[in-house]
Protein backbone atom coordinates (compact mmCIF):
# COMPACT_ATOMS: atom_id res chain seq x y z
CA MET A 1 137.45 -184.30 25.86
CA THR A 2 135.40 -181.60 27.50
CA ASP A 3 132.19 -182.50 29.28
CA THR A 4 130.39 -179.25 28.59
CA LEU A 5 129.50 -177.70 25.30
CA CYS A 6 129.89 -174.13 24.22
CA GLU A 7 126.91 -172.03 25.31
CA GLU A 8 127.51 -169.03 23.07
CA GLU A 9 125.17 -168.33 20.16
CA LEU A 10 126.93 -168.56 16.81
CA ASN A 11 125.49 -167.53 13.46
CA PHE A 12 127.16 -168.33 10.15
CA ASP A 13 126.40 -167.94 6.46
CA PRO A 14 126.33 -171.15 4.37
CA TYR A 15 129.75 -172.75 3.88
CA ASP A 16 131.17 -175.40 1.61
CA ALA A 17 132.81 -178.58 2.91
CA ASP A 18 136.34 -177.09 2.93
CA ASP A 19 135.24 -174.08 4.96
CA LEU A 20 133.35 -176.32 7.35
CA ARG A 21 136.37 -178.58 7.87
CA SER A 22 138.44 -175.56 8.86
CA ILE A 23 135.80 -174.33 11.31
CA LEU A 24 135.32 -177.78 12.81
CA ASN A 25 139.04 -178.36 13.19
CA ARG A 26 139.46 -175.06 15.03
CA ARG A 27 136.58 -175.78 17.36
CA ALA A 28 137.73 -179.36 17.97
CA GLU A 29 141.17 -178.10 18.99
CA LYS A 30 139.57 -175.89 21.63
CA ALA A 31 136.77 -178.17 22.85
CA PHE A 32 138.44 -181.61 22.86
CA TYR A 33 141.67 -183.15 24.06
CA ASP A 34 144.40 -183.66 21.47
CA ASP A 35 143.89 -186.58 19.06
CA THR A 36 140.33 -187.17 20.29
CA VAL A 37 138.49 -186.30 17.08
CA GLU A 38 139.60 -188.38 14.10
CA ASP A 39 140.23 -186.62 10.77
CA ASP A 40 137.73 -188.88 9.01
CA SER A 41 135.08 -187.78 11.48
CA ILE A 42 135.71 -184.10 10.74
CA GLN A 43 135.51 -184.79 7.02
CA LEU A 44 132.24 -186.69 7.40
CA ILE A 45 130.66 -184.01 9.58
CA ALA A 46 131.71 -181.29 7.12
CA ALA A 47 130.31 -183.26 4.18
CA LEU A 48 126.99 -183.88 5.94
CA ALA A 49 126.58 -180.24 6.96
CA ALA A 50 127.58 -178.96 3.50
CA ARG A 51 125.16 -181.34 1.78
CA ASP A 52 122.31 -180.19 4.00
CA ARG A 53 122.36 -176.44 4.61
CA GLY A 54 126.01 -175.49 4.64
CA SER A 55 125.50 -174.56 8.28
CA ALA A 56 128.46 -174.31 10.62
CA ARG A 57 126.06 -174.45 13.57
CA GLN A 58 124.70 -177.75 12.26
CA GLY A 59 128.22 -179.12 11.89
CA LEU A 60 129.18 -178.03 15.39
CA ASP A 61 126.04 -179.56 16.88
CA LEU A 62 126.91 -182.84 15.20
CA LEU A 63 130.51 -182.67 16.41
CA TYR A 64 129.47 -182.01 20.00
CA LYS A 65 126.78 -184.69 19.90
CA ALA A 66 129.33 -187.24 18.66
CA GLY A 67 131.60 -186.14 21.50
CA ASP A 68 128.81 -186.69 24.03
CA ILE A 69 128.22 -190.18 22.65
CA ALA A 70 131.94 -190.99 22.96
CA ARG A 71 131.90 -189.78 26.56
CA GLN A 72 128.80 -191.87 27.35
CA GLN A 73 130.57 -194.90 25.92
CA ASP A 74 133.70 -194.08 27.94
CA ASP A 75 135.66 -193.89 24.69
CA ASP A 76 138.42 -191.35 24.07
CA LYS A 77 137.89 -191.30 20.29
CA VAL A 78 135.23 -189.53 18.21
CA ASP A 79 135.16 -191.83 15.20
CA ILE A 80 132.89 -192.20 12.19
CA GLU A 81 130.62 -194.67 13.96
CA LYS A 82 129.85 -192.12 16.68
CA VAL A 83 129.22 -189.43 14.06
CA GLU A 84 126.67 -191.68 12.36
CA ILE A 85 124.95 -192.40 15.68
CA ALA A 86 124.91 -188.67 16.44
CA ARG A 87 123.49 -187.86 13.01
CA GLU A 88 120.64 -190.32 13.42
CA GLU A 89 119.80 -189.08 16.93
CA ILE A 90 119.83 -185.43 15.83
CA GLU A 91 117.69 -186.20 12.78
CA LYS A 92 115.20 -188.15 14.85
CA ASP A 93 114.94 -185.34 17.40
CA ARG A 94 114.46 -182.82 14.58
CA VAL A 95 111.66 -184.84 12.99
CA GLN A 96 109.96 -185.58 16.31
CA GLU A 97 110.02 -181.89 17.20
CA GLY A 98 108.85 -180.81 13.77
CA ILE A 99 105.96 -183.21 13.25
CA GLY A 100 104.29 -182.89 16.62
CA ASP A 101 101.52 -180.64 15.31
CA LEU A 102 101.36 -181.83 11.70
CA THR A 103 98.08 -182.64 10.03
CA LYS A 104 97.46 -185.89 8.18
CA GLN A 105 97.91 -183.97 4.93
CA ALA A 106 101.38 -182.86 5.99
CA TYR A 107 102.29 -186.45 6.89
CA VAL A 108 101.15 -187.61 3.46
CA SER A 109 103.17 -184.82 1.82
CA LEU A 110 106.26 -185.86 3.78
CA LEU A 111 105.81 -189.51 2.84
CA SER A 112 105.46 -188.49 -0.80
CA VAL A 113 108.90 -186.88 -0.81
CA THR A 114 110.24 -189.90 1.08
CA GLN A 115 108.90 -192.21 -1.63
CA LEU A 116 110.63 -190.19 -4.35
CA GLU A 117 113.87 -190.17 -2.36
CA LEU A 118 113.75 -193.95 -2.12
CA ASN A 119 113.15 -194.04 -5.88
CA GLY A 120 116.41 -192.17 -6.39
CA SER A 121 115.19 -188.58 -6.71
CA SER A 122 117.05 -186.50 -4.12
CA PHE A 123 115.15 -183.34 -5.12
CA SER A 124 111.79 -183.25 -6.87
CA ARG A 125 109.48 -180.59 -8.25
CA THR A 126 105.99 -180.18 -6.85
CA ARG A 127 104.50 -181.64 -10.02
CA GLU A 128 106.62 -184.76 -9.44
CA VAL A 129 105.65 -185.00 -5.77
CA TYR A 130 101.94 -184.61 -6.42
CA PRO A 131 101.22 -188.02 -8.05
CA GLU A 132 102.95 -189.75 -5.12
CA TYR A 133 100.93 -187.59 -2.76
CA GLU A 134 97.67 -188.61 -4.45
CA ASN A 135 98.59 -192.30 -4.28
CA ILE A 136 99.50 -192.17 -0.57
CA ALA A 137 96.39 -190.11 0.24
CA LYS A 138 94.26 -192.71 -1.57
CA TYR A 139 96.03 -195.51 0.32
CA ASN A 140 95.04 -193.78 3.57
CA GLU A 141 91.52 -192.96 2.34
CA ILE A 142 92.24 -189.24 2.71
CA ASP A 143 90.83 -186.68 0.26
CA SER A 144 93.59 -185.15 -1.85
CA LEU A 145 94.27 -181.44 -1.79
CA VAL A 146 94.94 -179.43 -4.92
CA ARG A 147 98.61 -179.22 -5.86
CA ASP A 148 99.18 -175.65 -4.65
CA ARG A 149 97.75 -176.51 -1.25
CA MET A 150 99.98 -179.56 -1.01
CA GLN A 151 102.95 -177.32 -1.80
CA ASP A 152 102.05 -175.21 1.22
CA HIS A 153 102.67 -178.30 3.35
CA LEU A 154 106.01 -178.88 1.62
CA SER A 155 107.00 -175.30 2.39
CA TYR A 156 106.04 -175.75 6.04
CA LEU A 157 108.05 -178.97 6.28
CA GLU A 158 111.02 -177.10 4.82
CA MET A 159 110.61 -174.33 7.37
CA MET A 160 110.63 -176.96 10.13
CA GLY A 161 113.93 -178.36 8.85
CA ILE A 162 112.48 -181.71 7.78
CA LEU A 163 112.72 -180.98 4.05
CA ASN A 164 115.32 -179.10 2.04
CA LYS A 165 114.31 -176.74 -0.74
CA LYS A 166 116.38 -175.42 -3.60
CA GLU A 167 115.46 -172.86 -6.23
CA VAL A 168 115.96 -173.62 -9.91
CA ASN A 169 115.97 -170.67 -12.32
CA LYS A 170 115.80 -171.58 -16.01
CA GLY A 171 115.55 -167.98 -17.13
CA LYS A 172 112.86 -166.60 -19.40
CA SER A 173 112.41 -169.86 -21.28
CA GLY A 174 112.13 -172.24 -18.35
CA GLY A 175 110.98 -170.01 -15.51
CA ARG A 176 111.74 -170.41 -11.82
CA TYR A 177 110.59 -173.22 -9.56
CA TYR A 178 111.48 -175.05 -6.34
CA LYS A 179 112.54 -178.62 -5.75
CA TYR A 180 112.14 -180.44 -2.44
CA GLY A 181 114.14 -183.23 -0.82
CA LEU A 182 114.51 -184.84 2.58
CA ALA A 183 116.72 -183.10 5.12
CA VAL A 184 116.75 -186.31 7.16
CA SER A 185 117.16 -189.98 6.28
CA PRO A 186 114.11 -191.95 5.06
CA ASP A 187 114.41 -194.50 7.87
CA VAL A 188 114.08 -191.73 10.46
CA VAL A 189 110.93 -190.46 8.75
CA VAL A 190 109.42 -193.94 8.72
CA GLU A 191 110.31 -194.58 12.36
CA VAL A 192 108.90 -191.30 13.67
CA VAL A 193 105.78 -191.25 11.47
CA GLY A 194 105.13 -194.91 12.29
CA ASP A 195 105.40 -194.21 16.02
CA ASN A 196 102.70 -191.54 15.76
CA GLU A 197 100.32 -193.75 13.78
CA PHE A 198 98.51 -190.80 12.21
CA VAL A 199 98.79 -192.32 8.75
CA ASP A 200 99.58 -195.76 7.39
CA ILE A 201 102.94 -195.99 5.64
CA PRO A 202 102.61 -197.78 2.29
CA PRO A 203 104.50 -201.06 1.84
CA SER A 204 106.45 -199.46 -1.04
CA ILE A 205 108.16 -197.28 1.58
CA ARG A 206 108.33 -199.67 4.54
CA ARG A 207 110.04 -202.50 2.70
CA ARG A 208 112.81 -200.25 1.43
CA VAL A 209 114.07 -198.77 4.70
């Protein structure tokens, strides 16, 4: 397994899981010793990257991070366990970097999407997020913003890579709208937001992560 990662800047259009597996396999053959990266690990990395943004760069970052973890553990195998550890570390770093300058309103908006995710809604419309937002704002004794202003915070969180956004177009009858979902796991959100102590996390979120 190589000790250094590739320094070149790579840019890719979104890919599906099959495309990502092919890319990851090719890179693994060049960057790691033979039989170091398990097939199940490649499949998991491809699935995670495809589910998020379809980004080959994201998949490669996860592959290399898992490789670094294997090296730190003096292990010659990049298995699923190391991929999961790498995913959590990358997600935590992403959230910590993204929320450093957030306002309390942005934290409340993020927790609102987290609440819906824990309720089983992987993507939610703004009108579905807003009642959760109002409840969490009230819990923190923070004045609620109007819905459009809250959506501005959702858009910013998406730009920072903490939320995912997808467009839904129902045509002339249903119109076009966006739905938002977490780009990271709920437990990472709770850990990082809790560490900053800018807002109180409601028990309905804490007890479920």
